[in-house]
Each structure stands twice: as structure tokens, then as C-alpha cells.
Amino acid sequence: MNKLSERYLTKKQAIQKYGFLSENMLKNLLFKDVDGFRTKVAKKLGRRVLLDEEALLLFISGQSGGQ
């Protein structure tokens, strides 16, 4: 795999890799754009939504008060 494919995950890959994520949680974050989730974490490639893995983890740690 190249660097780009290691950095970005599909929703399914993110759910499989991180057990604390659920499909409904990601749908909710994307649809409601909670605290700018869409602009900070998600990238659209055609119909596919890709998640920046590092930005996703930073976003979640910031939401849990881990700053």
C-alpha cells in the first residue's frame, strides 16, 4: 500500500479497525457535521467518503476532553 491509501479509510474500514466506532455514529457525525467533522476529517471522492485516519483520531480525542 502507498502512503495515501494508508492514511485514508472508507467508513467500513474505519469501523473494522476501530471497534468503538459504529456505522450510525459516523453517519450522524457526517450528516450533522458535528463541530466541523465533515471539513476536518472527511473527503469526498465521487460518491465515496474517505476518512483521514489521523484527523479522525484527533477529532475523537478532542471530543472526549483529551486535549
C-alpha atoms as a PDB file:
ATOM      1  CA  MET A   1       0.000   0.000   0.000  1.00  0.00           C
ATOM      2  CA  ASN A   2       1.145   3.513  -0.635  1.00  0.00           C
ATOM      3  CA  LYS A   3       1.098   6.360   1.898  1.00  0.00           C
ATOM      4  CA  LEU A   4      -2.192   7.797   0.626  1.00  0.00           C
ATOM      5  CA  SER A   5      -4.097   4.532   0.946  1.00  0.00           C
ATOM      6  CA  GLU A   6      -2.711   4.002   4.451  1.00  0.00           C
ATOM      7  CA  ARG A   7      -3.810   7.461   5.561  1.00  0.00           C
ATOM      8  CA  TYR A   8      -7.407   7.389   4.310  1.00  0.00           C
ATOM      9  CA  LEU A   9     -10.036   4.830   5.272  1.00  0.00           C
ATOM     10  CA  THR A  10     -13.512   4.132   3.984  1.00  0.00           C
ATOM     11  CA  LYS A  11     -16.298   4.098   6.562  1.00  0.00           C
ATOM     12  CA  LYS A  12     -16.286   0.276   6.582  1.00  0.00           C
ATOM     13  CA  GLN A  13     -12.515   0.104   7.072  1.00  0.00           C
ATOM     14  CA  ALA A  14     -12.683   2.596   9.947  1.00  0.00           C
ATOM     15  CA  ILE A  15     -15.438   0.606  11.660  1.00  0.00           C
ATOM     16  CA  GLN A  16     -13.485  -2.652  11.274  1.00  0.00           C
ATOM     17  CA  LYS A  17     -10.227  -1.130  12.508  1.00  0.00           C
ATOM     18  CA  TYR A  18     -11.671   0.776  15.481  1.00  0.00           C
ATOM     19  CA  GLY A  19     -14.232  -1.179  17.487  1.00  0.00           C
ATOM     20  CA  PHE A  20     -15.570   1.881  19.276  1.00  0.00           C
ATOM     21  CA  LEU A  21     -16.917   3.309  16.003  1.00  0.00           C
ATOM     22  CA  SER A  22     -20.274   2.304  14.613  1.00  0.00           C
ATOM     23  CA  GLU A  23     -21.818   2.966  11.230  1.00  0.00           C
ATOM     24  CA  ASN A  24     -24.581   5.017  12.847  1.00  0.00           C
ATOM     25  CA  MET A  25     -22.052   7.126  14.767  1.00  0.00           C
ATOM     26  CA  LEU A  26     -20.176   8.001  11.582  1.00  0.00           C
ATOM     27  CA  LYS A  27     -23.391   8.696   9.656  1.00  0.00           C
ATOM     28  CA  ASN A  28     -24.524  11.037  12.429  1.00  0.00           C
ATOM     29  CA  LEU A  29     -21.190  12.888  12.517  1.00  0.00           C
ATOM     30  CA  LEU A  30     -21.191  13.272   8.727  1.00  0.00           C
ATOM     31  CA  PHE A  31     -24.841  14.270   8.367  1.00  0.00           C
ATOM     32  CA  LYS A  32     -24.988  16.762  11.232  1.00  0.00           C
ATOM     33  CA  ASP A  33     -21.401  17.968  10.682  1.00  0.00           C
ATOM     34  CA  VAL A  34     -20.806  17.971  14.432  1.00  0.00           C
ATOM     35  CA  ASP A  35     -18.079  20.528  15.267  1.00  0.00           C
ATOM     36  CA  GLY A  36     -16.945  20.628  11.639  1.00  0.00           C
ATOM     37  CA  PHE A  37     -16.366  16.858  11.358  1.00  0.00           C
ATOM     38  CA  ARG A  38     -17.010  16.870   7.599  1.00  0.00           C
ATOM     39  CA  THR A  39     -14.439  19.581   6.879  1.00  0.00           C
ATOM     40  CA  LYS A  40     -11.820  18.294   9.341  1.00  0.00           C
ATOM     41  CA  VAL A  41     -11.990  14.550   8.726  1.00  0.00           C
ATOM     42  CA  ALA A  42     -13.987  13.562   5.626  1.00  0.00           C
ATOM     43  CA  LYS A  43     -13.020  13.902   1.977  1.00  0.00           C
ATOM     44  CA  LYS A  44     -15.374  13.088  -0.891  1.00  0.00           C
ATOM     45  CA  LEU A  45     -14.091  11.207  -3.884  1.00  0.00           C
ATOM     46  CA  GLY A  46     -17.039  10.914  -6.228  1.00  0.00           C
ATOM     47  CA  ARG A  47     -19.725   9.107  -4.248  1.00  0.00           C
ATOM     48  CA  ARG A  48     -17.229   7.627  -1.821  1.00  0.00           C
ATOM     49  CA  VAL A  49     -16.480   9.254   1.522  1.00  0.00           C
ATOM     50  CA  LEU A  50     -12.936   8.790   2.781  1.00  0.00           C
ATOM     51  CA  LEU A  51     -11.872   9.498   6.346  1.00  0.00           C
ATOM     52  CA  ASP A  52      -8.449  10.867   7.222  1.00  0.00           C
ATOM     53  CA  GLU A  53      -7.379   8.376   9.903  1.00  0.00           C
ATOM     54  CA  GLU A  54      -5.126  10.753  11.832  1.00  0.00           C
ATOM     55  CA  ALA A  55      -7.694  13.575  11.752  1.00  0.00           C
ATOM     56  CA  LEU A  56     -10.410  11.128  12.867  1.00  0.00           C
ATOM     57  CA  LEU A  57      -8.438  10.077  15.937  1.00  0.00           C
ATOM     58  CA  LEU A  58      -7.553  13.683  16.788  1.00  0.00           C
ATOM     59  CA  PHE A  59     -11.189  14.716  16.407  1.00  0.00           C
ATOM     60  CA  ILE A  60     -12.415  11.928  18.682  1.00  0.00           C
ATOM     61  CA  SER A  61      -9.748  12.558  21.326  1.00  0.00           C
ATOM     62  CA  GLY A  62     -10.669  16.256  21.290  1.00  0.00           C
ATOM     63  CA  GLN A  63     -14.348  15.437  21.754  1.00  0.00           C
ATOM     64  CA  SER A  64     -13.672  13.215  24.757  1.00  0.00           C
ATOM     65  CA  GLY A  65     -11.878  16.005  26.617  1.00  0.00           C
ATOM     66  CA  GLY A  66      -8.440  14.524  25.988  1.00  0.00           C
ATOM     67  CA  GLN A  67      -6.888  17.823  24.894  1.00  0.00           C
END
